[in-house]
Amino acid sequence: MARFSAISDAAAEFERSTRTIENWIGAGLIHGYRGADRRVYVDLDEIEVGFKLFPGKMRDGRRPFGPNAKIVALPIEVEK
């Protein structure tokens, strides 16, 4: 079942700007849905799928380093 959300709420959910969500709609990566109140909504599940289908064009802000990032611990001594 679709989880519809206003663009501003979707932007907050995925840690992106509202302009980014609008750009994804404009590029045809996701759909925008106009509600009876004339506002545009997006399907949060569709955005999740878009992250997998278009990894070079859509990035999830909740994962700041990307899916292929390798973080390696450095041998750093912390002074007390």
Protein backbone atom coordinates (compact mmCIF):
# COMPACT_ATOMS: atom_id res chain seq x y z
CA MET A 1 0.00 0.00 0.00
CA ALA A 2 1.29 3.46 -0.87
CA ARG A 3 2.44 5.82 1.86
CA PHE A 4 1.66 9.31 0.56
CA SER A 5 3.33 12.32 2.08
CA ALA A 6 3.60 16.03 1.30
CA ILE A 7 6.83 17.02 -0.42
CA SER A 8 8.03 18.92 2.65
CA ASP A 9 7.43 15.91 4.90
CA ALA A 10 9.17 13.56 2.44
CA ALA A 11 12.15 15.93 2.30
CA ALA A 12 12.44 15.81 6.08
CA GLU A 13 12.02 12.01 6.12
CA PHE A 14 14.88 11.42 3.65
CA GLU A 15 17.02 14.39 4.76
CA ARG A 16 16.83 16.07 1.36
CA SER A 17 15.57 19.52 0.40
CA THR A 18 12.10 20.10 -1.01
CA ARG A 19 13.78 21.28 -4.21
CA THR A 20 15.52 17.90 -4.52
CA ILE A 21 12.21 16.06 -4.25
CA GLU A 22 10.74 18.42 -6.87
CA ASN A 23 13.75 17.76 -9.13
CA TRP A 24 13.22 14.01 -8.85
CA ILE A 25 9.59 14.49 -9.92
CA GLY A 26 10.63 16.78 -12.79
CA ALA A 27 13.23 14.28 -13.99
CA GLY A 28 10.62 11.50 -14.00
CA LEU A 29 12.43 9.46 -11.34
CA ILE A 30 9.35 9.45 -9.10
CA HIS A 31 5.72 10.48 -9.54
CA GLY A 32 4.00 13.47 -8.01
CA TYR A 33 0.34 13.06 -7.02
CA ARG A 34 -2.00 16.03 -6.75
CA GLY A 35 -4.44 15.79 -3.88
CA ALA A 36 -7.93 17.26 -3.62
CA ASP A 37 -6.37 20.15 -1.67
CA ARG A 38 -4.21 20.98 -4.76
CA ARG A 39 -0.99 20.05 -2.94
CA VAL A 40 1.49 17.64 -4.51
CA TYR A 41 2.24 14.43 -2.66
CA VAL A 42 4.80 11.67 -3.18
CA ASP A 43 4.79 7.98 -2.34
CA LEU A 44 7.51 7.30 0.26
CA ASP A 45 7.75 3.66 -0.86
CA GLU A 46 8.33 4.80 -4.45
CA ILE A 47 11.22 7.00 -3.26
CA GLU A 48 12.75 4.03 -1.40
CA VAL A 49 12.59 1.98 -4.63
CA GLY A 50 14.07 4.91 -6.57
CA PHE A 51 17.18 4.85 -4.37
CA LYS A 52 17.81 1.30 -5.60
CA LEU A 53 16.83 1.86 -9.24
CA PHE A 54 18.66 5.18 -9.74
CA PRO A 55 21.64 5.16 -7.33
CA GLY A 56 23.56 7.70 -9.41
CA LYS A 57 20.62 10.11 -9.56
CA MET A 58 18.89 9.67 -6.22
CA ARG A 59 20.76 9.61 -2.92
CA ASP A 60 19.27 8.89 0.47
CA GLY A 61 20.33 11.62 2.90
CA ARG A 62 19.97 9.21 5.81
CA ARG A 63 23.05 7.41 4.47
CA PRO A 64 25.53 10.27 4.03
CA PHE A 65 28.46 8.20 2.78
CA GLY A 66 26.60 6.18 0.16
CA PRO A 67 26.07 2.42 -0.16
CA ASN A 68 29.64 1.56 -1.22
CA ALA A 69 31.51 3.62 1.37
CA LYS A 70 34.20 1.91 3.39
CA ILE A 71 34.99 3.53 6.71
CA VAL A 72 38.24 2.31 8.23
CA ALA A 73 39.30 2.97 11.81
CA LEU A 74 42.56 4.88 12.24
CA PRO A 75 44.96 4.12 15.07
CA ILE A 76 44.53 7.49 16.79
CA GLU A 77 45.33 8.05 20.43
CA VAL A 78 43.07 10.47 22.24
CA GLU A 79 44.69 12.78 24.79
CA LYS A 80 43.02 13.01 28.18
